[in-house]
Amino acid sequence: MIDAVRDGFGAPHLHSGLGIRRLQGNYFACRAGLKLRLVFRARAGVLYFITAGNHDEVEAFMKSL
């Protein structure tokens, strides 16, 4: 999954298939299953995967920033 996100990031047609969404600033999330989302940060050609969780856990993480 992480490889697919890395390879598809910045390509709008692939974004929709991977479910990549901007959360805030340089923070993004993508689906990794029906209930699991991966949160990552994009910086100068590098994606830093930070956490995984369900919708509520991702929302709580973003509020903690």
N, C-alpha and C. Protein backbone atom coordinates (compact mmCIF):
# COMPACT_ATOMS: atom_id res chain seq x y z
N MET A 1 0.81 -1.19 0.00
CA MET A 1 0.00 0.00 0.00
C MET A 1 0.86 1.26 0.00
N ILE A 2 1.88 1.29 0.83
CA ILE A 2 2.74 2.47 0.90
C ILE A 2 3.43 2.70 -0.45
N ASP A 3 3.86 1.65 -1.11
CA ASP A 3 4.47 1.79 -2.43
C ASP A 3 3.50 2.38 -3.43
N ALA A 4 2.24 1.94 -3.39
CA ALA A 4 1.23 2.45 -4.31
C ALA A 4 0.98 3.94 -4.08
N VAL A 5 0.93 4.35 -2.82
CA VAL A 5 0.74 5.77 -2.51
C VAL A 5 1.94 6.57 -2.99
N ARG A 6 3.13 6.09 -2.71
CA ARG A 6 4.35 6.78 -3.15
C ARG A 6 4.35 6.94 -4.66
N ASP A 7 4.04 5.89 -5.38
CA ASP A 7 4.08 5.93 -6.84
C ASP A 7 2.95 6.78 -7.44
N GLY A 8 1.81 6.85 -6.74
CA GLY A 8 0.67 7.57 -7.28
C GLY A 8 0.53 9.00 -6.79
N PHE A 9 1.31 9.39 -5.79
CA PHE A 9 1.17 10.73 -5.24
C PHE A 9 1.54 11.77 -6.30
N GLY A 10 0.68 12.74 -6.48
CA GLY A 10 0.91 13.77 -7.49
C GLY A 10 0.28 13.45 -8.83
N ALA A 11 -0.31 12.29 -8.96
CA ALA A 11 -0.99 11.90 -10.20
C ALA A 11 -2.49 11.85 -9.91
N PRO A 12 -3.25 12.89 -10.27
CA PRO A 12 -4.66 12.99 -9.88
C PRO A 12 -5.52 11.77 -10.21
N HIS A 13 -5.29 11.12 -11.33
CA HIS A 13 -6.12 9.97 -11.68
C HIS A 13 -5.84 8.79 -10.74
N LEU A 14 -4.61 8.63 -10.31
CA LEU A 14 -4.29 7.57 -9.36
C LEU A 14 -4.75 7.93 -7.95
N HIS A 15 -4.72 9.22 -7.63
CA HIS A 15 -5.18 9.68 -6.30
C HIS A 15 -6.57 9.17 -6.01
N SER A 16 -7.48 9.31 -6.96
CA SER A 16 -8.87 8.93 -6.70
C SER A 16 -8.98 7.43 -6.43
N GLY A 17 -8.21 6.62 -7.10
CA GLY A 17 -8.25 5.18 -6.88
C GLY A 17 -7.65 4.78 -5.54
N LEU A 18 -6.68 5.54 -5.07
CA LEU A 18 -6.04 5.26 -3.78
C LEU A 18 -6.76 5.92 -2.62
N GLY A 19 -7.65 6.84 -2.94
CA GLY A 19 -8.39 7.53 -1.89
C GLY A 19 -7.55 8.54 -1.13
N ILE A 20 -6.57 9.13 -1.77
CA ILE A 20 -5.72 10.13 -1.10
C ILE A 20 -6.51 11.43 -0.95
N ARG A 21 -6.51 11.95 0.26
CA ARG A 21 -7.20 13.21 0.55
C ARG A 21 -6.30 14.10 1.40
N ARG A 22 -6.31 15.38 1.09
CA ARG A 22 -5.57 16.34 1.91
C ARG A 22 -6.36 16.56 3.19
N LEU A 23 -5.67 16.47 4.33
CA LEU A 23 -6.31 16.69 5.61
C LEU A 23 -6.14 18.14 6.05
N GLN A 24 -4.88 18.60 6.00
CA GLN A 24 -4.55 19.95 6.44
C GLN A 24 -3.09 20.20 6.06
N GLY A 25 -2.82 21.35 5.49
CA GLY A 25 -1.43 21.66 5.13
C GLY A 25 -0.83 20.57 4.27
N ASN A 26 0.29 20.03 4.73
CA ASN A 26 0.98 18.95 4.00
C ASN A 26 0.62 17.56 4.53
N TYR A 27 -0.45 17.45 5.29
CA TYR A 27 -0.90 16.16 5.82
C TYR A 27 -1.97 15.58 4.92
N PHE A 28 -1.84 14.29 4.64
CA PHE A 28 -2.76 13.59 3.76
C PHE A 28 -3.15 12.26 4.41
N ALA A 29 -4.23 11.68 3.93
CA ALA A 29 -4.63 10.34 4.37
C ALA A 29 -5.06 9.55 3.15
N CYS A 30 -4.92 8.25 3.25
CA CYS A 30 -5.40 7.35 2.20
C CYS A 30 -6.03 6.14 2.86
N ARG A 31 -6.91 5.49 2.12
CA ARG A 31 -7.55 4.28 2.63
C ARG A 31 -6.59 3.09 2.53
N ALA A 32 -6.62 2.27 3.56
CA ALA A 32 -5.83 1.03 3.55
C ALA A 32 -6.75 -0.15 3.85
N GLY A 33 -8.02 0.03 3.58
CA GLY A 33 -9.04 -0.97 3.85
C GLY A 33 -10.35 -0.26 4.11
N LEU A 34 -11.37 -1.00 4.48
CA LEU A 34 -12.67 -0.38 4.71
C LEU A 34 -12.67 0.57 5.90
N LYS A 35 -11.95 0.24 6.95
CA LYS A 35 -11.97 1.06 8.16
C LYS A 35 -10.62 1.66 8.54
N LEU A 36 -9.58 1.36 7.79
CA LEU A 36 -8.24 1.81 8.16
C LEU A 36 -7.74 2.89 7.21
N ARG A 37 -7.18 3.94 7.79
CA ARG A 37 -6.59 5.02 7.00
C ARG A 37 -5.15 5.22 7.42
N LEU A 38 -4.30 5.55 6.46
CA LEU A 38 -2.90 5.88 6.73
C LEU A 38 -2.74 7.39 6.62
N VAL A 39 -2.08 7.98 7.58
CA VAL A 39 -1.81 9.42 7.56
C VAL A 39 -0.34 9.61 7.22
N PHE A 40 -0.09 10.53 6.30
CA PHE A 40 1.29 10.82 5.94
C PHE A 40 1.47 12.30 5.67
N ARG A 41 2.72 12.72 5.68
CA ARG A 41 3.08 14.11 5.41
C ARG A 41 3.96 14.13 4.17
N ALA A 42 3.71 15.08 3.30
CA ALA A 42 4.50 15.21 2.07
C ALA A 42 5.49 16.36 2.23
N ARG A 43 6.74 16.08 1.91
CA ARG A 43 7.79 17.10 1.94
C ARG A 43 8.79 16.83 0.83
N ALA A 44 9.07 17.81 0.04
CA ALA A 44 10.14 17.79 -0.97
C ALA A 44 10.48 16.40 -1.51
N GLY A 45 9.50 15.76 -2.13
CA GLY A 45 9.76 14.48 -2.77
C GLY A 45 9.79 13.28 -1.84
N VAL A 46 9.42 13.47 -0.56
CA VAL A 46 9.43 12.38 0.41
C VAL A 46 8.07 12.33 1.10
N LEU A 47 7.54 11.13 1.27
CA LEU A 47 6.31 10.94 2.03
C LEU A 47 6.66 10.27 3.35
N TYR A 48 6.29 10.91 4.45
CA TYR A 48 6.54 10.38 5.79
C TYR A 48 5.23 9.82 6.33
N PHE A 49 5.15 8.50 6.46
CA PHE A 49 3.95 7.89 7.01
C PHE A 49 4.02 8.00 8.53
N ILE A 50 2.95 8.55 9.12
CA ILE A 50 2.97 8.93 10.53
C ILE A 50 2.17 7.99 11.41
N THR A 51 0.94 7.67 11.01
CA THR A 51 0.08 6.85 11.84
C THR A 51 -0.99 6.17 11.00
N ALA A 52 -1.66 5.23 11.60
CA ALA A 52 -2.78 4.54 10.96
C ALA A 52 -3.90 4.47 11.98
N GLY A 53 -5.12 4.52 11.49
CA GLY A 53 -6.25 4.41 12.40
C GLY A 53 -7.56 4.53 11.66
N ASN A 54 -8.65 4.41 12.41
CA ASN A 54 -9.96 4.58 11.80
C ASN A 54 -10.26 6.08 11.68
N HIS A 55 -11.43 6.41 11.20
CA HIS A 55 -11.78 7.81 10.95
C HIS A 55 -11.64 8.65 12.22
N ASP A 56 -12.18 8.17 13.32
CA ASP A 56 -12.15 8.93 14.57
C ASP A 56 -10.72 9.10 15.10
N GLU A 57 -9.90 8.07 14.98
CA GLU A 57 -8.51 8.16 15.43
C GLU A 57 -7.71 9.15 14.59
N VAL A 58 -7.95 9.15 13.29
CA VAL A 58 -7.26 10.11 12.41
C VAL A 58 -7.71 11.53 12.75
N GLU A 59 -8.99 11.71 12.97
CA GLU A 59 -9.51 13.03 13.32
C GLU A 59 -8.89 13.52 14.65
N ALA A 60 -8.79 12.65 15.64
CA ALA A 60 -8.20 13.02 16.93
C ALA A 60 -6.72 13.35 16.76
N PHE A 61 -6.02 12.60 15.93
CA PHE A 61 -4.61 12.89 15.67
C PHE A 61 -4.44 14.28 15.07
N MET A 62 -5.27 14.60 14.09
CA MET A 62 -5.15 15.90 13.43
C MET A 62 -5.46 17.04 14.40
N LYS A 63 -6.37 16.84 15.31
CA LYS A 63 -6.70 17.87 16.31
C LYS A 63 -5.54 18.06 17.29
N SER A 64 -4.73 17.03 17.47
CA SER A 64 -3.62 17.12 18.41
C SER A 64 -2.41 17.89 17.85
N LEU A 65 -2.44 18.18 16.56
CA LEU A 65 -1.30 18.90 15.96
C LEU A 65 -1.32 20.37 16.31
